[in-house]
C-alpha atoms as a PDB file:
ATOM      1  CA  MET A   1      -8.624  91.959-104.381  1.00  0.00           C
ATOM      2  CA  LYS A   2      -5.136  91.059-105.523  1.00  0.00           C
ATOM      3  CA  ILE A   3      -3.223  93.657-103.523  1.00  0.00           C
ATOM      4  CA  ARG A   4      -2.412  93.239 -99.833  1.00  0.00           C
ATOM      5  CA  TRP A   5      -2.388  96.268 -97.525  1.00  0.00           C
ATOM      6  CA  GLN A   6      -0.386  95.943 -94.284  1.00  0.00           C
ATOM      7  CA  LEU A   7      -2.661  98.140 -92.158  1.00  0.00           C
ATOM      8  CA  PHE A   8      -3.044  97.894 -88.379  1.00  0.00           C
ATOM      9  CA  GLU A   9      -5.688  95.967 -86.449  1.00  0.00           C
ATOM     10  CA  LEU A  10      -6.806  97.246 -83.071  1.00  0.00           C
ATOM     11  CA  GLU A  11      -6.580  93.855 -81.390  1.00  0.00           C
ATOM     12  CA  ASP A  12      -2.852  93.718 -82.238  1.00  0.00           C
ATOM     13  CA  GLN A  13      -2.081  96.908 -80.326  1.00  0.00           C
ATOM     14  CA  ALA A  14      -0.612  96.578 -76.831  1.00  0.00           C
ATOM     15  CA  TRP A  15      -2.546  99.686 -75.670  1.00  0.00           C
ATOM     16  CA  PHE A  16      -5.931  98.337 -76.762  1.00  0.00           C
ATOM     17  CA  PRO A  17      -8.192  97.514 -73.759  1.00  0.00           C
ATOM     18  CA  HIS A  18      -7.999  93.816 -72.886  1.00  0.00           C
ATOM     19  CA  ALA A  19     -11.748  93.474 -72.186  1.00  0.00           C
ATOM     20  CA  VAL A  20     -12.625  94.917 -75.598  1.00  0.00           C
ATOM     21  CA  ARG A  21     -10.086  92.704 -77.377  1.00  0.00           C
ATOM     22  CA  GLN A  22     -11.447  89.605 -75.659  1.00  0.00           C
ATOM     23  CA  GLY A  23     -15.014  90.672 -76.435  1.00  0.00           C
ATOM     24  CA  MET A  24     -14.172  91.069 -80.123  1.00  0.00           C
ATOM     25  CA  MET A  25     -12.568  87.629 -80.252  1.00  0.00           C
ATOM     26  CA  ASP A  26     -15.583  86.101 -78.493  1.00  0.00           C
ATOM     27  CA  VAL A  27     -17.876  87.674 -81.107  1.00  0.00           C
ATOM     28  CA  LEU A  28     -15.795  86.190 -83.916  1.00  0.00           C
ATOM     29  CA  ARG A  29     -15.747  82.770 -82.240  1.00  0.00           C
ATOM     30  CA  PHE A  30     -19.533  82.828 -81.959  1.00  0.00           C
ATOM     31  CA  LEU A  31     -20.079  83.961 -85.569  1.00  0.00           C
ATOM     32  CA  ILE A  32     -17.556  81.533 -87.056  1.00  0.00           C
ATOM     33  CA  THR A  33     -19.260  78.655 -85.272  1.00  0.00           C
ATOM     34  CA  ALA A  34     -22.849  79.776 -85.920  1.00  0.00           C
ATOM     35  CA  LEU A  35     -22.204  80.265 -89.638  1.00  0.00           C
ATOM     36  CA  GLY A  36     -20.046  77.151 -90.011  1.00  0.00           C
ATOM     37  CA  ILE A  37     -17.397  79.220 -91.756  1.00  0.00           C
ATOM     38  CA  TYR A  38     -14.705  76.529 -91.736  1.00  0.00           C
ATOM     39  CA  LYS A  39     -16.851  73.495 -92.536  1.00  0.00           C
ATOM     40  CA  PRO A  40     -15.844  73.575 -96.256  1.00  0.00           C
ATOM     41  CA  VAL A  41     -12.175  72.926 -95.418  1.00  0.00           C
ATOM     42  CA  VAL A  42     -12.717  70.045 -92.977  1.00  0.00           C
ATOM     43  CA  PRO A  43     -12.484  67.356 -95.711  1.00  0.00           C
ATOM     44  CA  LEU A  44      -9.174  68.886 -96.873  1.00  0.00           C
ATOM     45  CA  LEU A  45      -7.832  68.932 -93.324  1.00  0.00           C
ATOM     46  CA  ARG A  46      -9.007  65.388 -92.647  1.00  0.00           C
ATOM     47  CA  GLU A  47      -7.268  64.141 -95.800  1.00  0.00           C
ATOM     48  CA  ALA A  48      -4.014  65.791 -94.702  1.00  0.00           C
ATOM     49  CA  LEU A  49      -4.318  64.224 -91.245  1.00  0.00           C
ATOM     50  CA  GLU A  50      -4.815  60.817 -92.850  1.00  0.00           C
ATOM     51  CA  LYS A  51      -1.780  61.345 -95.090  1.00  0.00           C
ATOM     52  CA  THR A  52       0.375  62.189 -92.071  1.00  0.00           C
ATOM     53  CA  LYS A  53      -1.272  59.594 -89.802  1.00  0.00           C
ATOM     54  CA  GLN A  54      -1.928  62.319 -87.216  1.00  0.00           C
ATOM     55  CA  THR A  55      -4.712  62.564 -84.655  1.00  0.00           C
ATOM     56  CA  GLN A  56      -3.056  65.304 -82.588  1.00  0.00           C
ATOM     57  CA  LEU A  57      -3.435  68.913 -83.732  1.00  0.00           C
ATOM     58  CA  VAL A  58      -1.603  71.946 -82.376  1.00  0.00           C
ATOM     59  CA  ASP A  59      -3.627  75.085 -83.024  1.00  0.00           C
ATOM     60  CA  LEU A  60      -1.430  78.181 -83.239  1.00  0.00           C
ATOM     61  CA  CYS A  61      -2.579  81.774 -82.658  1.00  0.00           C
ATOM     62  CA  SER A  62      -5.843  80.419 -81.246  1.00  0.00           C
ATOM     63  CA  GLY A  63      -7.216  83.768 -80.046  1.00  0.00           C
ATOM     64  CA  ALA A  64     -10.553  82.875 -78.438  1.00  0.00           C
ATOM     65  CA  GLY A  65     -10.633  79.500 -80.205  1.00  0.00           C
ATOM     66  CA  GLY A  66     -12.905  80.700 -83.005  1.00  0.00           C
ATOM     67  CA  GLY A  67     -14.442  77.723 -84.791  1.00  0.00           C
ATOM     68  CA  ILE A  68     -12.026  75.155 -83.375  1.00  0.00           C
ATOM     69  CA  LYS A  69     -14.706  73.290 -81.421  1.00  0.00           C
ATOM     70  CA  GLN A  70     -16.741  72.901 -84.617  1.00  0.00           C
ATOM     71  CA  ILE A  71     -13.630  71.735 -86.514  1.00  0.00           C
ATOM     72  CA  TRP A  72     -13.087  69.064 -83.853  1.00  0.00           C
ATOM     73  CA  GLN A  73     -16.738  68.002 -84.005  1.00  0.00           C
ATOM     74  CA  GLU A  74     -16.646  67.705 -87.804  1.00  0.00           C
ATOM     75  CA  LEU A  75     -13.382  65.749 -87.733  1.00  0.00           C
ATOM     76  CA  GLU A  76     -14.866  63.361 -85.184  1.00  0.00           C
ATOM     77  CA  LYS A  77     -18.012  62.997 -87.295  1.00  0.00           C
ATOM     78  CA  GLN A  78     -16.178  62.426 -90.586  1.00  0.00           C
ATOM     79  CA  GLY A  79     -13.187  60.466 -89.284  1.00  0.00           C
ATOM     80  CA  SER A  80     -12.833  56.980 -87.878  1.00  0.00           C
ATOM     81  CA  GLN A  81     -10.726  57.846 -84.821  1.00  0.00           C
ATOM     82  CA  PRO A  82     -10.717  60.393 -81.985  1.00  0.00           C
ATOM     83  CA  TYR A  83      -8.824  63.660 -82.406  1.00  0.00           C
ATOM     84  CA  ARG A  84      -7.253  65.912 -79.798  1.00  0.00           C
ATOM     85  CA  ILE A  85      -6.395  69.581 -80.250  1.00  0.00           C
ATOM     86  CA  THR A  86      -4.069  71.753 -78.169  1.00  0.00           C
ATOM     87  CA  LEU A  87      -4.858  75.480 -78.241  1.00  0.00           C
ATOM     88  CA  THR A  88      -1.903  77.872 -78.080  1.00  0.00           C
ATOM     89  CA  ASP A  89      -1.316  81.586 -78.440  1.00  0.00           C
ATOM     90  CA  LYS A  90       1.311  84.203 -77.730  1.00  0.00           C
ATOM     91  CA  TYR A  91      -1.339  85.801 -75.482  1.00  0.00           C
ATOM     92  CA  PRO A  92      -3.456  82.840 -74.278  1.00  0.00           C
ATOM     93  CA  ASN A  93      -7.166  83.498 -73.697  1.00  0.00           C
ATOM     94  CA  LEU A  94      -7.347  81.086 -70.782  1.00  0.00           C
ATOM     95  CA  GLU A  95     -10.982  81.806 -69.885  1.00  0.00           C
ATOM     96  CA  ALA A  96     -12.135  80.889 -73.404  1.00  0.00           C
ATOM     97  CA  TYR A  97      -9.844  77.836 -73.510  1.00  0.00           C
ATOM     98  CA  ARG A  98     -11.151  76.477 -70.202  1.00  0.00           C
ATOM     99  CA  PHE A  99     -14.694  76.927 -71.494  1.00  0.00           C
ATOM    100  CA  LEU A 100     -13.878  74.960 -74.686  1.00  0.00           C
ATOM    101  CA  ALA A 101     -12.033  72.264 -72.733  1.00  0.00           C
ATOM    102  CA  GLU A 102     -15.085  71.749 -70.504  1.00  0.00           C
ATOM    103  CA  GLN A 103     -17.452  71.635 -73.467  1.00  0.00           C
ATOM    104  CA  THR A 104     -15.370  68.969 -75.243  1.00  0.00           C
ATOM    105  CA  LYS A 105     -14.634  66.948 -72.085  1.00  0.00           C
ATOM    106  CA  GLY A 106     -10.906  67.471 -72.492  1.00  0.00           C
ATOM    107  CA  ALA A 107     -10.582  66.720 -76.214  1.00  0.00           C
ATOM    108  CA  LEU A 108      -9.531  70.349 -76.586  1.00  0.00           C
ATOM    109  CA  THR A 109      -6.676  71.141 -74.230  1.00  0.00           C
ATOM    110  CA  PHE A 110      -4.574  74.272 -74.011  1.00  0.00           C
ATOM    111  CA  GLU A 111      -1.109  75.547 -73.239  1.00  0.00           C
ATOM    112  CA  THR A 112      -1.063  78.157 -70.478  1.00  0.00           C
ATOM    113  CA  GLN A 113       2.331  79.613 -71.433  1.00  0.00           C
ATOM    114  CA  PRO A 114       2.862  81.897 -74.465  1.00  0.00           C
ATOM    115  CA  ILE A 115       3.745  80.001 -77.646  1.00  0.00           C
ATOM    116  CA  ASP A 116       5.531  81.692 -80.549  1.00  0.00           C
ATOM    117  CA  ALA A 117       4.158  80.327 -83.840  1.00  0.00           C
ATOM    118  CA  THR A 118       7.559  80.817 -85.487  1.00  0.00           C
ATOM    119  CA  ALA A 119       9.327  78.679 -82.868  1.00  0.00           C
ATOM    120  CA  VAL A 120       6.975  76.007 -81.551  1.00  0.00           C
ATOM    121  CA  PRO A 121       8.610  73.886 -78.818  1.00  0.00           C
ATOM    122  CA  ALA A 122       9.912  70.558 -80.086  1.00  0.00           C
ATOM    123  CA  ASP A 123       7.972  68.758 -77.347  1.00  0.00           C
ATOM    124  CA  MET A 124       4.665  69.838 -78.939  1.00  0.00           C
ATOM    125  CA  PRO A 125       4.388  67.514 -81.941  1.00  0.00           C
ATOM    126  CA  GLY A 126       1.236  67.415 -84.026  1.00  0.00           C
ATOM    127  CA  PHE A 127      -0.353  68.736 -87.185  1.00  0.00           C
ATOM    128  CA  ARG A 128      -0.347  72.520 -86.887  1.00  0.00           C
ATOM    129  CA  THR A 129      -3.316  74.733 -87.732  1.00  0.00           C
ATOM    130  CA  VAL A 130      -3.754  78.498 -87.960  1.00  0.00           C
ATOM    131  CA  PHE A 131      -7.347  79.749 -88.202  1.00  0.00           C
ATOM    132  CA  SER A 132      -8.206  83.401 -88.911  1.00  0.00           C
ATOM    133  CA  ALA A 133      -4.771  84.642 -87.847  1.00  0.00           C
ATOM    134  CA  PHE A 134      -2.215  84.230 -90.643  1.00  0.00           C
ATOM    135  CA  HIS A 135      -3.009  87.656 -92.104  1.00  0.00           C
ATOM    136  CA  HIS A 136      -1.857  89.330 -88.875  1.00  0.00           C
ATOM    137  CA  PHE A 137       1.753  88.582 -89.758  1.00  0.00           C
ATOM    138  CA  GLN A 138       3.985  90.398 -92.198  1.00  0.00           C
ATOM    139  CA  PRO A 139       5.314  88.204 -95.053  1.00  0.00           C
ATOM    140  CA  GLN A 140       8.658  87.472 -93.373  1.00  0.00           C
ATOM    141  CA  THR A 141       6.994  86.292 -90.155  1.00  0.00           C
ATOM    142  CA  ALA A 142       4.246  84.391 -91.973  1.00  0.00           C
ATOM    143  CA  THR A 143       6.874  82.546 -93.988  1.00  0.00           C
ATOM    144  CA  ALA A 144       8.772  81.818 -90.759  1.00  0.00           C
ATOM    145  CA  ILE A 145       5.654  80.088 -89.359  1.00  0.00           C
ATOM    146  CA  LEU A 146       5.627  77.762 -92.363  1.00  0.00           C
ATOM    147  CA  ALA A 147       9.402  77.306 -92.194  1.00  0.00           C
ATOM    148  CA  ASP A 148       9.238  76.232 -88.542  1.00  0.00           C
ATOM    149  CA  ALA A 149       6.723  73.499 -89.406  1.00  0.00           C
ATOM    150  CA  VAL A 150       8.984  72.310 -92.228  1.00  0.00           C
ATOM    151  CA  ARG A 151      12.061  72.440 -89.991  1.00  0.00           C
ATOM    152  CA  GLN A 152      10.323  70.189 -87.448  1.00  0.00           C
ATOM    153  CA  ASN A 153       8.793  67.979 -90.152  1.00  0.00           C
ATOM    154  CA  GLN A 154       5.221  68.736 -89.088  1.00  0.00           C
ATOM    155  CA  GLY A 155       2.160  69.228 -91.264  1.00  0.00           C
ATOM    156  CA  ILE A 156       0.517  72.634 -91.252  1.00  0.00           C
ATOM    157  CA  GLY A 157      -2.835  74.052 -92.344  1.00  0.00           C
ATOM    158  CA  VAL A 158      -3.515  77.780 -92.668  1.00  0.00           C
ATOM    159  CA  PHE A 159      -7.158  78.830 -93.024  1.00  0.00           C
ATOM    160  CA  GLU A 160      -8.740  82.278 -93.378  1.00  0.00           C
ATOM    161  CA  GLY A 161     -12.515  82.657 -93.079  1.00  0.00           C
ATOM    162  CA  ALA A 162     -12.895  84.849 -96.160  1.00  0.00           C
ATOM    163  CA  GLY A 163     -12.008  84.744 -99.819  1.00  0.00           C
ATOM    164  CA  LYS A 164     -10.636  88.300-100.159  1.00  0.00           C
ATOM    165  CA  ARG A 165     -13.520  89.439-102.352  1.00  0.00           C
ATOM    166  CA  TRP A 166     -14.851  93.001-102.542  1.00  0.00           C
ATOM    167  CA  HIS A 167     -18.435  92.046-101.639  1.00  0.00           C
ATOM    168  CA  GLU A 168     -17.179  90.678 -98.304  1.00  0.00           C
ATOM    169  CA  LEU A 169     -16.414  94.262 -97.271  1.00  0.00           C
ATOM    170  CA  LEU A 170     -20.102  95.084 -97.633  1.00  0.00           C
ATOM    171  CA  LEU A 171     -20.968  92.215 -95.299  1.00  0.00           C
ATOM    172  CA  VAL A 172     -18.567  93.575 -92.690  1.00  0.00           C
ATOM    173  CA  TRP A 173     -19.883  97.140 -92.968  1.00  0.00           C
ATOM    174  CA  LEU A 174     -23.617  96.529 -93.358  1.00  0.00           C
ATOM    175  CA  VAL A 175     -24.337  93.202 -91.630  1.00  0.00           C
ATOM    176  CA  PHE A 176     -21.761  92.706 -88.883  1.00  0.00           C
ATOM    177  CA  PRO A 177     -22.849  95.654 -86.645  1.00  0.00           C
ATOM    178  CA  TRP A 178     -26.457  94.425 -86.483  1.00  0.00           C
ATOM    179  CA  LEU A 179     -25.411  90.809 -85.999  1.00  0.00           C
ATOM    180  CA  ILE A 180     -23.196  91.748 -83.055  1.00  0.00           C
ATOM    181  CA  LEU A 181     -26.056  93.605 -81.386  1.00  0.00           C
ATOM    182  CA  LEU A 182     -28.313  90.562 -81.825  1.00  0.00           C
ATOM    183  CA  ILE A 183     -25.955  87.798 -80.716  1.00  0.00           C
ATOM    184  CA  THR A 184     -24.083  89.370 -77.806  1.00  0.00           C
ATOM    185  CA  PRO A 185     -26.520  88.222 -75.049  1.00  0.00           C
ATOM    186  CA  PHE A 186     -26.099  84.613 -76.209  1.00  0.00           C
ATOM    187  CA  ILE A 187     -22.286  84.477 -76.234  1.00  0.00           C
ATOM    188  CA  ARG A 188     -20.742  82.253 -73.577  1.00  0.00           C
ATOM    189  CA  PRO A 189     -18.991  82.438 -71.206  1.00  0.00           C
ATOM    190  CA  PHE A 190     -21.061  85.444 -70.133  1.00  0.00           C
ATOM    191  CA  THR A 191     -19.286  88.660 -69.077  1.00  0.00           C
ATOM    192  CA  TRP A 192     -20.721  92.008 -68.008  1.00  0.00           C
ATOM    193  CA  SER A 193     -17.865  93.814 -69.748  1.00  0.00           C
ATOM    194  CA  ARG A 194     -18.998  92.404 -73.100  1.00  0.00           C
ATOM    195  CA  LEU A 195     -22.474  93.896 -72.591  1.00  0.00           C
ATOM    196  CA  PHE A 196     -21.018  97.225 -71.468  1.00  0.00           C
ATOM    197  CA  PHE A 197     -18.676  97.559 -74.455  1.00  0.00           C
ATOM    198  CA  THR A 198     -21.394  96.507 -76.903  1.00  0.00           C
ATOM    199  CA  TYR A 199     -24.473  98.473 -75.846  1.00  0.00           C
ATOM    200  CA  LEU A 200     -23.325 101.349 -73.615  1.00  0.00           C
ATOM    201  CA  VAL A 201     -19.902 102.129 -75.075  1.00  0.00           C
ATOM    202  CA  PRO A 202     -19.962 100.260 -78.425  1.00  0.00           C
ATOM    203  CA  LEU A 203     -16.244  99.654 -78.785  1.00  0.00           C
ATOM    204  CA  ILE A 204     -16.730  95.952 -79.598  1.00  0.00           C
ATOM    205  CA  PRO A 205     -18.971  96.530 -82.664  1.00  0.00           C
ATOM    206  CA  LEU A 206     -16.827  99.433 -83.891  1.00  0.00           C
ATOM    207  CA  GLY A 207     -13.587  97.552 -83.292  1.00  0.00           C
ATOM    208  CA  THR A 208     -14.906  94.430 -84.996  1.00  0.00           C
ATOM    209  CA  VAL A 209     -15.930  96.373 -88.106  1.00  0.00           C
ATOM    210  CA  TRP A 210     -12.557  98.126 -88.269  1.00  0.00           C
ATOM    211  CA  ASP A 211     -10.539  94.941 -87.726  1.00  0.00           C
ATOM    212  CA  GLY A 212     -12.791  92.982 -90.092  1.00  0.00           C
ATOM    213  CA  THR A 213     -12.168  95.533 -92.839  1.00  0.00           C
ATOM    214  CA  VAL A 214      -8.422  95.564 -92.242  1.00  0.00           C
ATOM    215  CA  SER A 215      -8.315  91.769 -92.059  1.00  0.00           C
ATOM    216  CA  LEU A 216      -9.814  91.463 -95.549  1.00  0.00           C
ATOM    217  CA  LEU A 217      -7.272  93.933 -96.899  1.00  0.00           C
ATOM    218  CA  ARG A 218      -4.403  92.081 -95.189  1.00  0.00           C
ATOM    219  CA  LEU A 219      -5.339  88.589 -96.374  1.00  0.00           C
ATOM    220  CA  TYR A 220      -2.779  86.746 -98.468  1.00  0.00           C
ATOM    221  CA  THR A 221      -4.070  85.634-101.856  1.00  0.00           C
ATOM    222  CA  PRO A 222      -3.288  82.156-103.237  1.00  0.00           C
ATOM    223  CA  ALA A 223      -0.600  83.802-105.394  1.00  0.00           C
ATOM    224  CA  HIS A 224       1.051  85.241-102.263  1.00  0.00           C
ATOM    225  CA  LEU A 225       0.923  81.844-100.557  1.00  0.00           C
ATOM    226  CA  HIS A 226       2.451  80.098-103.589  1.00  0.00           C
ATOM    227  CA  ARG A 227       5.386  82.523-103.470  1.00  0.00           C
ATOM    228  CA  MET A 228       5.859  81.837 -99.754  1.00  0.00           C
ATOM    229  CA  VAL A 229       6.101  78.067-100.129  1.00  0.00           C
ATOM    230  CA  ALA A 230       8.359  78.458-103.175  1.00  0.00           C
ATOM    231  CA  SER A 231      10.839  80.292-100.940  1.00  0.00           C
ATOM    232  CA  LEU A 232      11.010  77.381 -98.476  1.00  0.00           C
ATOM    233  CA  ASP A 233      13.588  74.613 -98.643  1.00  0.00           C
ATOM    234  CA  ALA A 234      10.941  71.879 -98.603  1.00  0.00           C
ATOM    235  CA  PRO A 235      11.403  69.518-101.555  1.00  0.00           C
ATOM    236  CA  ASN A 236       9.731  66.678 -99.647  1.00  0.00           C
ATOM    237  CA  TYR A 237       6.542  68.630 -98.862  1.00  0.00           C
ATOM    238  CA  THR A 238       3.205  68.491-100.650  1.00  0.00           C
ATOM    239  CA  TRP A 239       1.326  71.805-100.739  1.00  0.00           C
ATOM    240  CA  HIS A 240      -2.333  72.519-101.505  1.00  0.00           C
ATOM    241  CA  ILE A 241      -3.416  76.166-101.867  1.00  0.00           C
ATOM    242  CA  GLY A 242      -6.751  77.610-102.933  1.00  0.00           C
ATOM    243  CA  ARG A 243     -10.220  78.817-101.990  1.00  0.00           C
ATOM    244  CA  ALA A 244     -13.036  76.634-100.662  1.00  0.00           C
ATOM    245  CA  ARG A 245     -16.568  77.922-101.242  1.00  0.00           C
ATOM    246  CA  HIS A 246     -18.865  78.641 -98.309  1.00  0.00           C
ATOM    247  CA  TRP A 247     -22.673  78.420 -98.602  1.00  0.00           C
ATOM    248  CA  SER A 248     -22.982  82.171 -97.975  1.00  0.00           C
ATOM    249  CA  GLY A 249     -21.102  82.976-101.173  1.00  0.00           C
ATOM    250  CA  THR A 250     -17.902  83.926 -99.378  1.00  0.00           C
ATOM    251  CA  GLY A 251     -14.742  81.842 -99.582  1.00  0.00           C
ATOM    252  CA  VAL A 252     -12.240  80.225 -97.267  1.00  0.00           C
ATOM    253  CA  LEU A 253      -8.600  80.705 -98.230  1.00  0.00           C
ATOM    254  CA  TYR A 254      -6.424  77.732 -97.351  1.00  0.00           C
ATOM    255  CA  LEU A 255      -2.859  76.483 -97.455  1.00  0.00           C
ATOM    256  CA  ILE A 256      -2.090  72.905 -96.423  1.00  0.00           C
ATOM    257  CA  GLY A 257       1.371  71.364 -96.393  1.00  0.00           C
ATOM    258  CA  TYR A 258       2.765  68.094 -95.121  1.00  0.00           C
ATOM    259  CA  PRO A 259       5.770  65.785 -95.635  1.00  0.00           C
ATOM    260  CA  SER A 260       5.209  63.616 -98.686  1.00  0.00           C
END
């Protein structure tokens, strides 16, 4: 898929029920972790952290923290020093963040106040990451996220848990609904609302399939990402853009940039 469609995702809509939105994000967090979606890009991220001599990461647009605990675990396993990650979002999912902070004994912390990814406070230094969220933004805003990192001389890594391939749509349509029905009782922290909106009124499965489809159509291709970084005034930055292959046959789109 070379074309990008700017369609709407339900979780982006202010009117969309909060409990359903949170349930959908919890499902994605569980699946991303269980399938190890972002494991293929950990070596690339670790290399960038070594180049910038950073052990502090600032995760932007964290949602429910999908996959970030596993990223931290893999960095700790592959690296030679401890890493700390601060979770941030314009609409912080504090319940999920507290759960992750407890599970990592404080290695994952979080910001309770809304953080705009296009204007990160100067007192929050660290290598920035965006997992599974860059496609939500229109090109002008997405470019502004990169520009803010450049303006503050911070490294940034953008990662999408798909490769924008047609067969990935079949996975979303044919596999995701059954997976959600199977895994929901095992998702933590437990909530009754998640059970209600999965089995009695199945808004979470339906919403996840819709948003998953739209997400694939909204993903930026490597060509799109190359054009974005070319528009930045960043002569001192090194950029790496491409697809990393996942064991399932899907891909992980990535963009990594840091001061040379």
